[in-house]
Amino acid sequence: MEDVMRIKNRSKVTCPICMMQVDPQSRPRTLRWEGKEKYFCSESCRDKFLQSRCSCQPEKGRWGRWLDRVARSNEKQFGKKGPCCH
């Protein structure tokens, strides 16, 4: 059973925007980008990719935005080097 699941998972690709697993044989939305075939789960993900011309990273969620705020705050308080730990 595990071998069958591994084989099924190998045939799937990941949407670069929402990181959803997409089966390339189910005729997903595709785009040729920098010589590689990109697979998208929906038209909206493909449109987001085209609009931003991103580096294939998903948008930051709440946790990522919070970490960015903390990093900016630390940079203001301690400078680019950060706090001294010793």
C-alpha atoms as a PDB file:
ATOM      1  CA  MET A   1       0.000   0.000   0.000  1.00  0.00           C
ATOM      2  CA  GLU A   2       2.798   2.442   0.867  1.00  0.00           C
ATOM      3  CA  ASP A   3       4.519   1.751  -2.467  1.00  0.00           C
ATOM      4  CA  VAL A   4       1.326   2.638  -4.316  1.00  0.00           C
ATOM      5  CA  MET A   5       1.052   5.917  -2.384  1.00  0.00           C
ATOM      6  CA  ARG A   6       4.673   6.786  -3.166  1.00  0.00           C
ATOM      7  CA  ILE A   7       4.114   6.172  -6.869  1.00  0.00           C
ATOM      8  CA  LYS A   8       0.979   8.319  -6.843  1.00  0.00           C
ATOM      9  CA  ASN A   9       2.767  11.146  -5.016  1.00  0.00           C
ATOM     10  CA  ARG A  10       5.654  11.121  -7.484  1.00  0.00           C
ATOM     11  CA  SER A  11       3.318  11.837 -10.355  1.00  0.00           C
ATOM     12  CA  LYS A  12       2.007  14.999  -8.705  1.00  0.00           C
ATOM     13  CA  VAL A  13       3.533  18.433  -8.985  1.00  0.00           C
ATOM     14  CA  THR A  14       3.153  21.462  -6.741  1.00  0.00           C
ATOM     15  CA  CYS A  15       1.443  24.725  -7.643  1.00  0.00           C
ATOM     16  CA  PRO A  16       4.122  27.413  -7.064  1.00  0.00           C
ATOM     17  CA  ILE A  17       1.611  29.894  -5.627  1.00  0.00           C
ATOM     18  CA  CYS A  18      -0.518  27.969  -3.117  1.00  0.00           C
ATOM     19  CA  MET A  19       1.681  24.838  -2.826  1.00  0.00           C
ATOM     20  CA  MET A  20      -1.264  22.560  -3.602  1.00  0.00           C
ATOM     21  CA  GLN A  21      -0.528  19.167  -5.147  1.00  0.00           C
ATOM     22  CA  VAL A  22      -1.603  19.031  -8.801  1.00  0.00           C
ATOM     23  CA  ASP A  23      -1.866  15.954 -10.997  1.00  0.00           C
ATOM     24  CA  PRO A  24      -0.277  16.837 -14.361  1.00  0.00           C
ATOM     25  CA  GLN A  25      -2.412  14.239 -16.125  1.00  0.00           C
ATOM     26  CA  SER A  26      -5.638  15.979 -15.047  1.00  0.00           C
ATOM     27  CA  ARG A  27      -4.944  18.812 -17.510  1.00  0.00           C
ATOM     28  CA  PRO A  28      -4.067  21.562 -15.018  1.00  0.00           C
ATOM     29  CA  ARG A  29      -3.291  25.123 -16.042  1.00  0.00           C
ATOM     30  CA  THR A  30       0.264  25.252 -17.347  1.00  0.00           C
ATOM     31  CA  LEU A  31       2.744  27.902 -18.311  1.00  0.00           C
ATOM     32  CA  ARG A  32       6.172  27.677 -19.892  1.00  0.00           C
ATOM     33  CA  TRP A  33       8.460  29.847 -17.741  1.00  0.00           C
ATOM     34  CA  GLU A  34      12.231  30.168 -18.166  1.00  0.00           C
ATOM     35  CA  GLY A  35      12.378  26.916 -20.096  1.00  0.00           C
ATOM     36  CA  LYS A  36      10.406  24.907 -17.537  1.00  0.00           C
ATOM     37  CA  GLU A  37       6.788  23.842 -17.429  1.00  0.00           C
ATOM     38  CA  LYS A  38       4.920  25.320 -14.451  1.00  0.00           C
ATOM     39  CA  TYR A  39       1.692  23.698 -13.260  1.00  0.00           C
ATOM     40  CA  PHE A  40      -1.035  25.655 -11.486  1.00  0.00           C
ATOM     41  CA  CYS A  41      -4.114  24.438  -9.654  1.00  0.00           C
ATOM     42  CA  SER A  42      -6.304  27.251 -11.015  1.00  0.00           C
ATOM     43  CA  GLU A  43      -6.455  30.215 -13.358  1.00  0.00           C
ATOM     44  CA  SER A  44      -6.201  32.608 -10.418  1.00  0.00           C
ATOM     45  CA  CYS A  45      -2.899  31.075  -9.274  1.00  0.00           C
ATOM     46  CA  ARG A  46      -1.557  31.294 -12.814  1.00  0.00           C
ATOM     47  CA  ASP A  47      -2.663  34.933 -13.028  1.00  0.00           C
ATOM     48  CA  LYS A  48      -1.007  35.751  -9.686  1.00  0.00           C
ATOM     49  CA  PHE A  49       2.208  34.193 -10.943  1.00  0.00           C
ATOM     50  CA  LEU A  50       2.100  36.202 -14.156  1.00  0.00           C
ATOM     51  CA  GLN A  51       1.259  39.471 -12.392  1.00  0.00           C
ATOM     52  CA  SER A  52       4.010  39.242  -9.834  1.00  0.00           C
ATOM     53  CA  ARG A  53       6.549  37.334 -11.945  1.00  0.00           C
ATOM     54  CA  CYS A  54       7.543  35.896  -8.614  1.00  0.00           C
ATOM     55  CA  SER A  55      10.318  33.530  -7.734  1.00  0.00           C
ATOM     56  CA  CYS A  56       7.755  30.796  -7.125  1.00  0.00           C
ATOM     57  CA  GLN A  57       7.304  31.501  -3.454  1.00  0.00           C
ATOM     58  CA  PRO A  58       3.871  31.505  -1.872  1.00  0.00           C
ATOM     59  CA  GLU A  59       2.563  34.687  -0.310  1.00  0.00           C
ATOM     60  CA  LYS A  60       3.530  35.141   3.315  1.00  0.00           C
ATOM     61  CA  GLY A  61       0.934  34.214   5.845  1.00  0.00           C
ATOM     62  CA  ARG A  62       0.308  35.653   9.275  1.00  0.00           C
ATOM     63  CA  TRP A  63       3.379  33.968  10.769  1.00  0.00           C
ATOM     64  CA  GLY A  64       5.716  35.203   8.015  1.00  0.00           C
ATOM     65  CA  ARG A  65       4.442  38.768   8.312  1.00  0.00           C
ATOM     66  CA  TRP A  66       4.896  38.652  12.094  1.00  0.00           C
ATOM     67  CA  LEU A  67       8.481  37.446  11.715  1.00  0.00           C
ATOM     68  CA  ASP A  68       9.174  40.289   9.280  1.00  0.00           C
ATOM     69  CA  ARG A  69       7.828  42.813  11.797  1.00  0.00           C
ATOM     70  CA  VAL A  70      10.005  41.365  14.557  1.00  0.00           C
ATOM     71  CA  ALA A  71      13.064  41.473  12.299  1.00  0.00           C
ATOM     72  CA  ARG A  72      12.420  45.128  11.384  1.00  0.00           C
ATOM     73  CA  SER A  73      11.894  46.011  15.036  1.00  0.00           C
ATOM     74  CA  ASN A  74      15.135  44.301  16.058  1.00  0.00           C
ATOM     75  CA  GLU A  75      16.991  46.057  13.267  1.00  0.00           C
ATOM     76  CA  LYS A  76      15.725  49.436  14.490  1.00  0.00           C
ATOM     77  CA  GLN A  77      16.681  48.676  18.070  1.00  0.00           C
ATOM     78  CA  PHE A  78      20.014  46.887  17.585  1.00  0.00           C
ATOM     79  CA  GLY A  79      21.154  47.788  14.081  1.00  0.00           C
ATOM     80  CA  LYS A  80      21.938  45.365  11.292  1.00  0.00           C
ATOM     81  CA  LYS A  81      24.222  43.215  13.444  1.00  0.00           C
ATOM     82  CA  GLY A  82      21.517  42.367  15.958  1.00  0.00           C
ATOM     83  CA  PRO A  83      21.842  42.082  19.729  1.00  0.00           C
ATOM     84  CA  CYS A  84      25.058  40.847  21.263  1.00  0.00           C
ATOM     85  CA  CYS A  85      24.559  37.385  22.718  1.00  0.00           C
ATOM     86  CA  HIS A  86      27.649  37.296  24.936  1.00  0.00           C
END
